[in-house]
Amino acid sequence: MEIQALLIALLVALLILVYLRQLWSRRHYPPGPLSLPVIGGLWRVGIRLHEDTLIKIAKQYGNIYTLWLGHQPVIVVSGFQAVKEVLINHTEAFSERPPTPFLKAIGRERGLIFSNGHTWKQQRRFAVVTMRKLGLGKKGMEHQIQKEAQQLVETFARANGQPLDPSLPILNAVSNVICAVTFGHRFSLEDEKFQKLIEAIDVGVKFIGSIIYILYEIFPWIMIHLPGPHKKVFAAFELVLSCIREETEKHKEQPSFHEPQDFIDFYLLLIEKSRNDPNSTYDEENLAHCIHDFFIAGTETTTTSLRWALLLLTNHPDIQDKVHKEIEDVFASSCSICYQDIKKLPYTNAVIHEMQRSKYTLLFGGTRQCTKDVKVNGYLIPKGTCIFPNLRSILLDPELWKTPEEFNPNHFLDKDGNFVAREEFLAFGAGARICLAEQLARIEIFIFLTSLIRAFRFQLPEGVGKLSPDPAVQFIIHPHPYKICAVPRCCSL
């Protein structure tokens, strides 16, 4: 018994020494929740994540704090000045994505979102240039978006003013914009292949931020051998890539080198041109991953923003009526509105910005990784450290916004009713990794929303007092399922 007691005492002493050594080795990191063995600081986050969890921790530990996910440190940066310091003032130092086990497994360090270094720079530069060639910001791409908006209006109209769930029709419309840009054609809503494609993308997006996702990032060597939702995500990811490769093969059968029409055409042309360039990263696998990233970045967030917009406007009929009146006062006899017209609609512009501020669609901004040791606000952030820029903390900061918890378009209007751009509006991120699809998303939201508001008055179903403004919290912060009545406006339909 004495020997057993001695062994136990030695074991306890050893664990204490290991723990103290761990604390000493982490002394240079910003303060944060106590890191426990195995789970790190996850005890402070809890099993069920809330949209304001990271903001509440910042109130206790400051705008730059360390949250240990197992043995991995994550620096959470909150507040406008601290985030600006990281993403803008040190943009090159924080231009990489952390190659975490799960993201590395699905992204394979290819494409636009999950690549780094030379590969990322080449892929992003090509994507930016090609989107311009395809008409982003010009009439060509807007015409495609207007066609999808009209299809969406017709889908809503078929409900005849009865309660409908707008989620799937919106997702189909937004996804078809990406299909038109990348594949050169849209799918019919009944197309089985199209339905499988958007379902697979949805599976992947909803997995990010879940408890199983976090466990995979901490214990990949265990999780890779266990059954669970992560296996379904890997299968869904392969299904999307398979669909993209199939579309690529169709383009190769009928090459359009002289008159490229879509993203695949332009990419295949570049592969051919750079075939003898040893520094080229242009190949069909990077092409497939780039298009997959377009679907990730270009469908779920825009769809979620539009779902929030309809919910908020239904809950605030006075604001909805003011938007409709402004549109009709300016464009009563016009058949269509283009994105440039947003300058003539200051109140509508303010409502869209306020919707994106008050119902920011991400739990936090896209993760970054330090490329070198950097000192921020007096704290040394070591090279290779993962960064969470908490954009939500800026968009809901009571020191920046008069009524941060309310849907208040006046946040973006001056006393004369003119639209005011706010530096603190970072819904699309900032710096080198600012959202590539920002302009496309802005155009889509504006054209889809104005088309719907002109065609319908959105009302609560009979017996429903209010739609729940509370979010369903995952990495994408989306509304709970709801139904609304799209009542046709006689002059529009």
Protein backbone atom coordinates (compact mmCIF):
# COMPACT_ATOMS: atom_id res chain seq x y z
CA MET A 1 0.00 0.00 0.00
CA GLU A 2 2.87 2.37 0.82
CA ILE A 3 4.45 1.70 -2.59
CA GLN A 4 1.12 2.36 -4.35
CA ALA A 5 0.65 5.60 -2.42
CA LEU A 6 4.20 6.64 -3.31
CA LEU A 7 3.61 5.88 -7.00
CA ILE A 8 0.37 7.85 -6.99
CA ALA A 9 2.10 10.78 -5.29
CA LEU A 10 4.91 10.66 -7.86
CA LEU A 11 2.41 10.54 -10.70
CA VAL A 12 0.50 13.53 -9.31
CA ALA A 13 3.75 15.43 -8.84
CA LEU A 14 4.81 14.59 -12.40
CA LEU A 15 1.49 15.81 -13.79
CA ILE A 16 1.82 19.04 -11.80
CA LEU A 17 5.35 19.56 -13.13
CA VAL A 18 4.22 18.91 -16.71
CA TYR A 19 1.34 21.33 -16.23
CA LEU A 20 3.60 24.03 -14.74
CA ARG A 21 6.08 23.54 -17.56
CA GLN A 22 3.24 23.92 -20.03
CA LEU A 23 2.13 27.15 -18.36
CA TRP A 24 5.71 28.47 -18.46
CA SER A 25 6.11 27.65 -22.17
CA ARG A 26 2.86 29.51 -22.91
CA ARG A 27 3.66 32.59 -20.85
CA HIS A 28 4.28 34.80 -23.90
CA TYR A 29 0.82 34.18 -25.36
CA PRO A 30 -2.00 36.64 -24.61
CA PRO A 31 -4.08 35.71 -21.56
CA GLY A 32 -7.19 33.60 -21.91
CA PRO A 33 -9.31 30.88 -20.30
CA LEU A 34 -7.43 28.30 -18.26
CA SER A 35 -6.11 25.51 -20.49
CA LEU A 36 -6.94 22.08 -19.09
CA PRO A 37 -5.26 18.82 -20.15
CA VAL A 38 -6.62 17.33 -23.39
CA ILE A 39 -9.47 19.83 -23.94
CA GLY A 40 -7.53 23.07 -23.45
CA GLY A 41 -9.91 26.03 -23.09
CA LEU A 42 -12.93 24.36 -24.68
CA TRP A 43 -14.60 24.16 -21.27
CA ARG A 44 -15.09 27.94 -21.50
CA VAL A 45 -16.80 27.65 -24.89
CA GLY A 46 -19.15 24.87 -23.77
CA ILE A 47 -20.76 22.08 -25.75
CA ARG A 48 -23.35 24.38 -27.28
CA LEU A 49 -21.82 27.38 -29.04
CA HIS A 50 -23.61 30.74 -28.87
CA GLU A 51 -23.18 33.60 -31.31
CA ASP A 52 -21.81 35.89 -28.58
CA THR A 53 -19.55 33.35 -26.83
CA LEU A 54 -16.29 34.80 -28.17
CA ILE A 55 -17.48 38.35 -27.43
CA LYS A 56 -18.23 37.45 -23.79
CA ILE A 57 -14.78 35.89 -23.36
CA ALA A 58 -13.21 39.09 -24.77
CA LYS A 59 -15.01 41.13 -22.08
CA GLN A 60 -13.14 39.08 -19.48
CA TYR A 61 -9.69 38.75 -21.10
CA GLY A 62 -9.44 41.69 -23.51
CA ASN A 63 -9.60 42.16 -27.26
CA ILE A 64 -6.66 39.83 -27.87
CA TYR A 65 -6.81 36.55 -25.98
CA THR A 66 -5.67 32.96 -26.36
CA LEU A 67 -8.14 30.10 -26.59
CA TRP A 68 -6.47 26.70 -26.48
CA LEU A 69 -8.15 24.03 -28.60
CA GLY A 70 -6.55 20.99 -27.07
CA HIS A 71 -2.83 21.71 -27.34
CA GLN A 72 -3.27 24.16 -30.23
CA PRO A 73 -3.32 27.91 -29.44
CA VAL A 74 -5.83 30.14 -31.21
CA ILE A 75 -5.52 33.91 -30.84
CA VAL A 76 -8.97 35.55 -30.92
CA VAL A 77 -8.82 39.19 -32.04
CA SER A 78 -11.83 41.37 -31.26
CA GLY A 79 -12.74 45.05 -31.66
CA PHE A 80 -12.27 47.31 -34.67
CA GLN A 81 -8.80 48.65 -33.87
CA ALA A 82 -7.27 45.25 -33.02
CA VAL A 83 -8.82 43.54 -36.07
CA LYS A 84 -7.73 46.42 -38.31
CA GLU A 85 -4.20 46.10 -36.92
CA VAL A 86 -4.11 42.41 -37.81
CA LEU A 87 -5.98 42.25 -41.13
CA ILE A 88 -4.98 45.58 -42.68
CA ASN A 89 -1.83 46.94 -41.05
CA HIS A 90 -0.19 43.49 -41.01
CA THR A 91 -2.05 42.06 -43.99
CA GLU A 92 0.91 40.12 -45.45
CA ALA A 93 1.83 38.59 -42.11
CA PHE A 94 -1.73 37.28 -41.70
CA SER A 95 -2.42 36.30 -45.31
CA GLU A 96 -2.30 32.52 -44.88
CA ARG A 97 -4.90 29.96 -43.87
CA PRO A 98 -3.98 27.53 -41.07
CA PRO A 99 -3.59 24.01 -42.55
CA THR A 100 -5.64 22.37 -39.80
CA PRO A 101 -6.14 18.59 -40.06
CA PHE A 102 -9.73 18.73 -41.33
CA LEU A 103 -9.28 21.66 -43.69
CA LYS A 104 -6.11 20.08 -45.04
CA ALA A 105 -7.96 16.80 -45.60
CA ILE A 106 -10.74 18.37 -47.68
CA GLY A 107 -8.90 21.32 -49.26
CA ARG A 108 -5.60 19.51 -49.91
CA GLU A 109 -4.01 22.98 -49.91
CA ARG A 110 -5.46 23.67 -53.35
CA GLY A 111 -7.89 26.18 -54.82
CA LEU A 112 -8.71 29.57 -53.31
CA ILE A 113 -9.81 29.11 -49.71
CA PHE A 114 -7.46 26.47 -48.33
CA SER A 115 -4.24 27.13 -50.29
CA ASN A 116 -1.30 29.31 -49.27
CA GLY A 117 1.82 30.89 -50.72
CA HIS A 118 2.54 30.70 -54.45
CA THR A 119 -0.45 28.45 -55.17
CA TRP A 120 -2.91 30.79 -53.48
CA LYS A 121 -1.46 33.91 -55.12
CA GLN A 122 -1.69 32.40 -58.60
CA GLN A 123 -5.20 31.02 -58.12
CA ARG A 124 -6.57 34.22 -56.58
CA ARG A 125 -4.98 36.48 -59.20
CA PHE A 126 -6.47 34.35 -61.98
CA ALA A 127 -9.90 34.27 -60.30
CA VAL A 128 -10.02 38.07 -59.86
CA VAL A 129 -9.01 38.74 -63.48
CA THR A 130 -11.35 36.09 -64.89
CA MET A 131 -14.37 37.30 -62.94
CA ARG A 132 -13.84 40.72 -64.50
CA LYS A 133 -13.55 39.16 -67.97
CA LEU A 134 -16.81 37.31 -67.33
CA GLY A 135 -18.55 40.59 -66.69
CA LEU A 136 -18.54 41.07 -62.92
CA GLY A 137 -19.71 44.63 -62.42
CA LYS A 138 -20.90 44.84 -66.02
CA LYS A 139 -24.24 44.25 -67.73
CA GLY A 140 -23.41 40.68 -68.80
CA MET A 141 -23.29 39.10 -65.36
CA GLU A 142 -26.05 41.32 -64.03
CA HIS A 143 -28.30 40.09 -66.82
CA GLN A 144 -27.74 36.51 -65.62
CA ILE A 145 -28.54 37.51 -62.04
CA GLN A 146 -31.68 39.34 -63.21
CA LYS A 147 -32.80 36.18 -65.03
CA GLU A 148 -32.39 34.16 -61.82
CA ALA A 149 -34.22 36.88 -59.88
CA GLN A 150 -37.14 36.64 -62.30
CA GLN A 151 -37.17 32.84 -61.90
CA LEU A 152 -37.26 33.36 -58.13
CA VAL A 153 -40.17 35.80 -58.43
CA GLU A 154 -42.08 33.26 -60.53
CA THR A 155 -41.41 30.51 -57.98
CA PHE A 156 -42.75 32.70 -55.15
CA ALA A 157 -45.76 33.67 -57.26
CA ARG A 158 -46.78 30.02 -57.63
CA ALA A 159 -47.52 29.94 -53.89
CA ASN A 160 -50.46 32.31 -54.54
CA GLY A 161 -49.86 34.23 -51.34
CA GLN A 162 -49.97 31.09 -49.17
CA PRO A 163 -47.24 30.42 -46.56
CA LEU A 164 -43.97 29.29 -48.11
CA ASP A 165 -40.46 28.51 -46.92
CA PRO A 166 -38.16 30.72 -49.02
CA SER A 167 -34.94 28.82 -48.21
CA LEU A 168 -34.76 26.30 -51.06
CA PRO A 169 -35.94 28.64 -53.85
CA ILE A 170 -33.33 31.23 -52.78
CA LEU A 171 -30.57 28.61 -52.53
CA ASN A 172 -31.44 27.30 -55.99
CA ALA A 173 -31.35 30.80 -57.50
CA VAL A 174 -28.04 31.77 -55.88
CA SER A 175 -26.43 28.43 -56.75
CA ASN A 176 -27.48 28.78 -60.37
CA VAL A 177 -25.62 32.09 -60.60
CA ILE A 178 -22.42 30.25 -59.61
CA CYS A 179 -23.23 27.47 -62.10
CA ALA A 180 -23.66 30.02 -64.90
CA VAL A 181 -20.34 31.71 -64.05
CA THR A 182 -18.30 28.53 -63.69
CA PHE A 183 -20.03 25.95 -65.92
CA GLY A 184 -21.53 28.31 -68.47
CA HIS A 185 -25.10 27.14 -67.93
CA ARG A 186 -27.81 26.94 -65.30
CA PHE A 187 -29.70 23.86 -64.12
CA SER A 188 -33.44 23.41 -63.94
CA LEU A 189 -34.67 23.26 -60.35
CA GLU A 190 -35.86 19.68 -60.90
CA ASP A 191 -32.46 18.47 -62.16
CA GLU A 192 -31.36 15.56 -59.95
CA LYS A 193 -27.68 16.30 -60.44
CA PHE A 194 -28.21 19.93 -59.40
CA GLN A 195 -30.12 18.93 -56.28
CA LYS A 196 -27.37 16.49 -55.24
CA LEU A 197 -24.77 19.20 -55.83
CA ILE A 198 -26.37 21.81 -53.58
CA GLU A 199 -27.23 19.18 -50.92
CA ALA A 200 -23.58 18.08 -50.83
CA ILE A 201 -22.37 21.68 -50.46
CA ASP A 202 -24.89 22.23 -47.65
CA VAL A 203 -23.62 19.14 -45.79
CA GLY A 204 -20.06 20.45 -45.83
CA VAL A 205 -20.86 24.01 -44.79
CA LYS A 206 -23.06 22.93 -41.86
CA PHE A 207 -20.37 20.61 -40.52
CA ILE A 208 -17.80 23.40 -40.00
CA GLY A 209 -17.95 24.60 -36.40
CA SER A 210 -19.84 21.57 -35.07
CA ILE A 211 -18.55 19.66 -32.04
CA ILE A 212 -17.49 16.74 -34.27
CA TYR A 213 -15.55 19.17 -36.45
CA ILE A 214 -13.71 20.53 -33.39
CA LEU A 215 -12.95 17.00 -32.17
CA TYR A 216 -11.55 16.12 -35.61
CA GLU A 217 -9.25 19.16 -35.51
CA ILE A 218 -7.97 18.19 -32.03
CA PHE A 219 -7.81 14.40 -32.43
CA PRO A 220 -7.47 13.72 -36.21
CA TRP A 221 -5.49 10.49 -35.68
CA ILE A 222 -8.48 9.07 -33.76
CA MET A 223 -11.37 10.61 -35.68
CA ILE A 224 -10.14 9.45 -39.08
CA HIS A 225 -10.75 5.83 -37.98
CA LEU A 226 -14.16 6.45 -36.40
CA PRO A 227 -17.57 6.56 -38.11
CA GLY A 228 -19.55 9.80 -37.90
CA PRO A 229 -20.70 12.93 -39.73
CA HIS A 230 -17.16 13.70 -40.89
CA LYS A 231 -17.27 10.66 -43.15
CA LYS A 232 -20.43 11.99 -44.76
CA VAL A 233 -18.71 15.34 -45.30
CA PHE A 234 -15.75 13.73 -47.07
CA ALA A 235 -18.18 11.84 -49.33
CA ALA A 236 -20.11 15.04 -50.06
CA PHE A 237 -16.90 16.87 -50.89
CA GLU A 238 -15.91 14.16 -53.36
CA LEU A 239 -19.36 14.29 -54.95
CA VAL A 240 -18.97 18.02 -55.63
CA LEU A 241 -15.48 17.55 -57.07
CA SER A 242 -16.76 14.70 -59.23
CA CYS A 243 -19.53 16.92 -60.62
CA ILE A 244 -17.01 19.67 -61.40
CA ARG A 245 -14.64 17.22 -63.12
CA GLU A 246 -17.53 15.93 -65.22
CA GLU A 247 -18.33 19.48 -66.35
CA THR A 248 -14.63 20.04 -67.09
CA GLU A 249 -14.50 16.95 -69.31
CA LYS A 250 -17.49 18.27 -71.30
CA HIS A 251 -15.62 21.53 -71.86
CA LYS A 252 -12.51 19.65 -73.00
CA GLU A 253 -14.57 17.82 -75.62
CA GLN A 254 -15.59 21.15 -77.15
CA PRO A 255 -12.75 23.56 -76.32
CA SER A 256 -13.49 27.30 -76.60
CA PHE A 257 -9.91 28.55 -76.65
CA HIS A 258 -10.69 31.43 -79.02
CA GLU A 259 -13.90 32.55 -77.32
CA PRO A 260 -13.93 31.39 -73.69
CA GLN A 261 -17.41 31.70 -72.19
CA ASP A 262 -17.04 30.68 -68.54
CA PHE A 263 -14.56 30.07 -65.73
CA ILE A 264 -13.70 26.53 -66.88
CA ASP A 265 -13.00 27.76 -70.42
CA PHE A 266 -10.61 30.44 -69.20
CA TYR A 267 -8.87 28.04 -66.82
CA LEU A 268 -8.36 25.30 -69.43
CA LEU A 269 -6.94 27.93 -71.79
CA LEU A 270 -4.47 29.03 -69.09
CA ILE A 271 -3.45 25.40 -68.40
CA GLU A 272 -2.62 25.07 -72.09
CA LYS A 273 -0.65 28.33 -72.18
CA SER A 274 1.37 27.56 -69.04
CA ARG A 275 2.07 23.91 -69.82
CA ASN A 276 5.85 24.51 -70.04
CA ASP A 277 6.06 26.85 -67.06
CA PRO A 278 7.69 24.99 -64.13
CA ASN A 279 6.29 27.55 -61.66
CA SER A 280 2.70 27.14 -62.81
CA THR A 281 0.12 25.81 -60.34
CA TYR A 282 -2.62 25.78 -62.97
CA ASP A 283 -3.93 22.24 -63.30
CA GLU A 284 -7.29 20.49 -63.33
CA GLU A 285 -7.21 19.66 -59.61
CA ASN A 286 -6.72 23.31 -58.68
CA LEU A 287 -9.50 24.16 -61.15
CA ALA A 288 -11.88 21.72 -59.43
CA HIS A 289 -11.00 23.09 -55.98
CA CYS A 290 -11.39 26.72 -57.14
CA ILE A 291 -14.91 26.04 -58.39
CA HIS A 292 -15.75 24.13 -55.20
CA ASP A 293 -14.59 27.18 -53.24
CA PHE A 294 -16.82 29.43 -55.34
CA PHE A 295 -19.78 27.31 -54.31
CA ILE A 296 -18.75 27.38 -50.63
CA ALA A 297 -18.17 31.14 -50.55
CA GLY A 298 -20.82 32.15 -53.05
CA THR A 299 -23.95 30.23 -52.11
CA GLU A 300 -24.47 29.65 -48.40
CA THR A 301 -23.59 33.13 -47.13
CA THR A 302 -25.56 34.98 -49.83
CA THR A 303 -28.52 32.63 -49.39
CA THR A 304 -28.42 33.13 -45.62
CA SER A 305 -28.24 36.93 -46.01
CA LEU A 306 -31.34 36.91 -48.21
CA ARG A 307 -33.20 34.65 -45.77
CA TRP A 308 -32.39 37.07 -42.94
CA ALA A 309 -33.45 40.01 -45.13
CA LEU A 310 -36.91 38.56 -45.80
CA LEU A 311 -37.35 37.64 -42.13
CA LEU A 312 -36.39 41.13 -40.95
CA LEU A 313 -38.55 42.91 -43.53
CA THR A 314 -41.52 40.71 -42.66
CA ASN A 315 -41.06 41.46 -38.96
CA HIS A 316 -40.69 45.20 -39.77
CA PRO A 317 -43.46 46.00 -42.29
CA ASP A 318 -42.85 49.74 -41.84
CA ILE A 319 -39.27 49.38 -43.09
CA GLN A 320 -40.43 47.08 -45.90
CA ASP A 321 -42.98 49.67 -47.02
CA LYS A 322 -40.37 52.44 -47.01
CA VAL A 323 -38.06 50.32 -49.20
CA HIS A 324 -40.87 49.60 -51.65
CA LYS A 325 -41.92 53.24 -51.78
CA GLU A 326 -38.38 54.42 -52.46
CA ILE A 327 -37.97 51.88 -55.28
CA GLU A 328 -41.30 52.77 -56.88
CA ASP A 329 -40.72 56.52 -56.54
CA VAL A 330 -37.47 56.18 -58.51
CA PHE A 331 -38.25 53.30 -60.89
CA ALA A 332 -42.04 53.16 -61.23
CA SER A 333 -41.97 52.69 -65.02
CA SER A 334 -38.69 50.79 -65.32
CA CYS A 335 -38.78 47.02 -65.96
CA SER A 336 -35.45 46.25 -64.32
CA ILE A 337 -32.96 47.74 -61.90
CA CYS A 338 -29.18 47.38 -62.23
CA TYR A 339 -26.63 47.47 -59.44
CA GLN A 340 -25.47 50.99 -60.29
CA ASP A 341 -28.98 52.15 -59.36
CA ILE A 342 -28.19 51.48 -55.71
CA LYS A 343 -26.80 55.03 -55.58
CA LYS A 344 -30.34 56.31 -56.22
CA LEU A 345 -31.77 54.23 -53.35
CA PRO A 346 -30.04 55.38 -50.14
CA TYR A 347 -32.65 53.92 -47.79
CA THR A 348 -32.66 50.53 -49.55
CA ASN A 349 -28.86 50.55 -49.47
CA ALA A 350 -28.92 51.31 -45.74
CA VAL A 351 -31.42 48.49 -45.10
CA ILE A 352 -29.18 45.97 -46.92
CA HIS A 353 -26.09 47.05 -45.00
CA GLU A 354 -27.96 47.01 -41.70
CA MET A 355 -29.26 43.53 -42.41
CA GLN A 356 -25.71 42.31 -43.01
CA ARG A 357 -24.49 44.08 -39.88
CA SER A 358 -27.21 43.01 -37.45
CA LYS A 359 -27.40 39.45 -38.84
CA TYR A 360 -23.79 38.80 -39.78
CA THR A 361 -23.77 35.37 -41.39
CA LEU A 362 -20.52 33.98 -39.95
CA LEU A 363 -19.64 33.00 -36.39
CA PHE A 364 -16.39 34.93 -36.89
CA GLY A 365 -14.23 35.97 -39.85
CA GLY A 366 -12.18 33.52 -41.89
CA THR A 367 -9.29 32.01 -39.93
CA ARG A 368 -5.74 33.22 -40.59
CA GLN A 369 -2.25 32.05 -39.74
CA CYS A 370 0.84 34.08 -38.87
CA THR A 371 3.62 33.85 -41.48
CA LYS A 372 6.15 35.35 -39.04
CA ASP A 373 6.43 36.57 -35.47
CA VAL A 374 4.31 39.71 -35.13
CA LYS A 375 3.73 42.05 -32.22
CA VAL A 376 0.14 43.29 -31.98
CA ASN A 377 -1.03 45.63 -29.20
CA GLY A 378 1.97 44.63 -27.09
CA TYR A 379 1.48 40.86 -27.51
CA LEU A 380 3.89 38.68 -29.46
CA ILE A 381 2.00 36.36 -31.82
CA PRO A 382 4.40 33.58 -32.82
CA LYS A 383 4.81 32.41 -36.41
CA GLY A 384 2.36 29.64 -37.33
CA THR A 385 -0.27 30.67 -34.77
CA CYS A 386 -3.93 30.41 -35.82
CA ILE A 387 -5.95 33.65 -35.67
CA PHE A 388 -9.71 34.10 -35.31
CA PRO A 389 -10.61 37.69 -36.37
CA ASN A 390 -13.92 38.20 -34.57
CA LEU A 391 -15.73 40.47 -37.04
CA ARG A 392 -18.98 39.94 -35.14
CA SER A 393 -17.48 41.86 -32.19
CA ILE A 394 -17.09 44.90 -34.48
CA LEU A 395 -20.52 44.72 -36.11
CA LEU A 396 -22.22 44.51 -32.69
CA ASP A 397 -19.97 46.91 -30.79
CA PRO A 398 -22.12 49.33 -28.68
CA GLU A 399 -19.36 51.94 -28.93
CA LEU A 400 -19.66 51.96 -32.75
CA TRP A 401 -23.40 51.48 -33.29
CA LYS A 402 -26.18 53.39 -31.53
CA THR A 403 -28.47 50.36 -31.15
CA PRO A 404 -26.25 47.36 -31.98
CA GLU A 405 -28.79 44.68 -31.08
CA GLU A 406 -31.59 46.25 -33.14
CA PHE A 407 -32.35 46.25 -36.87
CA ASN A 408 -31.89 49.98 -37.43
CA PRO A 409 -31.16 51.27 -40.98
CA ASN A 410 -30.36 54.69 -39.49
CA HIS A 411 -26.93 53.31 -38.64
CA PHE A 412 -26.08 53.94 -42.32
CA LEU A 413 -27.96 57.21 -42.90
CA ASP A 414 -27.11 60.81 -42.08
CA LYS A 415 -29.64 63.33 -40.78
CA ASP A 416 -30.66 64.18 -44.36
CA GLY A 417 -31.34 60.56 -45.31
CA ASN A 418 -28.18 60.10 -47.38
CA PHE A 419 -26.38 56.77 -47.28
CA VAL A 420 -23.18 56.79 -45.21
CA ALA A 421 -20.48 54.17 -45.79
CA ARG A 422 -18.98 53.02 -42.49
CA GLU A 423 -15.34 52.00 -42.14
CA GLU A 424 -16.39 49.62 -39.37
CA PHE A 425 -18.64 47.64 -41.73
CA LEU A 426 -16.38 44.61 -42.28
CA ALA A 427 -19.00 42.02 -43.19
CA PHE A 428 -16.82 40.84 -46.08
CA GLY A 429 -13.56 40.84 -44.15
CA ALA A 430 -10.49 42.93 -44.92
CA GLY A 431 -6.91 42.67 -46.10
CA ALA A 432 -5.31 40.19 -48.48
CA ARG A 433 -7.98 37.53 -47.87
CA ILE A 434 -11.01 39.80 -48.22
CA CYS A 435 -13.95 37.89 -49.68
CA LEU A 436 -13.26 37.27 -53.38
CA ALA A 437 -16.98 37.13 -54.12
CA GLU A 438 -17.80 40.40 -52.31
CA GLN A 439 -18.93 42.32 -55.39
CA LEU A 440 -20.88 39.36 -56.75
CA ALA A 441 -22.63 38.94 -53.39
CA ARG A 442 -23.49 42.66 -53.22
CA ILE A 443 -24.99 42.59 -56.73
CA GLU A 444 -26.96 39.41 -56.05
CA ILE A 445 -28.42 40.62 -52.76
CA PHE A 446 -29.42 43.97 -54.26
CA ILE A 447 -31.02 42.59 -57.43
CA PHE A 448 -32.73 39.63 -55.76
CA LEU A 449 -34.10 41.72 -52.90
CA THR A 450 -35.34 44.67 -54.97
CA SER A 451 -36.97 42.26 -57.46
CA LEU A 452 -38.82 40.49 -54.65
CA ILE A 453 -39.88 43.67 -52.86
CA ARG A 454 -41.24 45.13 -56.10
CA ALA A 455 -43.25 41.99 -56.80
CA PHE A 456 -44.54 41.08 -53.33
CA ARG A 457 -45.49 42.34 -49.93
CA PHE A 458 -44.14 39.89 -47.39
CA GLN A 459 -46.51 39.17 -44.51
CA LEU A 460 -46.73 36.87 -41.52
CA PRO A 461 -48.89 33.76 -41.95
CA GLU A 462 -52.23 33.90 -40.20
CA GLY A 463 -51.87 33.25 -36.47
CA VAL A 464 -48.12 34.01 -36.40
CA GLY A 465 -47.25 37.03 -34.28
CA LYS A 466 -43.58 37.33 -35.19
CA LEU A 467 -40.81 35.35 -36.86
CA SER A 468 -38.06 34.33 -34.45
CA PRO A 469 -35.01 36.59 -34.83
CA ASP A 470 -32.90 34.12 -32.82
CA PRO A 471 -30.23 32.40 -34.92
CA ALA A 472 -29.35 28.75 -35.35
CA VAL A 473 -25.65 28.83 -34.45
CA GLN A 474 -23.11 26.98 -36.55
CA PHE A 475 -20.19 28.49 -38.46
CA ILE A 476 -22.91 29.95 -40.71
CA ILE A 477 -25.37 31.87 -38.51
CA HIS A 478 -28.71 31.26 -40.20
CA PRO A 479 -32.33 31.80 -39.14
CA HIS A 480 -34.47 28.96 -37.92
CA PRO A 481 -36.83 27.62 -40.63
CA TYR A 482 -39.77 29.94 -41.17
CA LYS A 483 -42.65 30.54 -43.56
CA ILE A 484 -43.92 33.82 -44.95
CA CYS A 485 -46.69 34.90 -47.30
CA ALA A 486 -45.52 36.55 -50.53
CA VAL A 487 -48.62 38.56 -51.44
CA PRO A 488 -48.42 39.80 -55.04
CA ARG A 489 -48.48 43.54 -55.60
CA CYS A 490 -51.07 44.09 -58.33
CA CYS A 491 -48.93 46.52 -60.28
CA SER A 492 -45.98 44.11 -60.47
CA LEU A 493 -47.50 40.75 -61.40
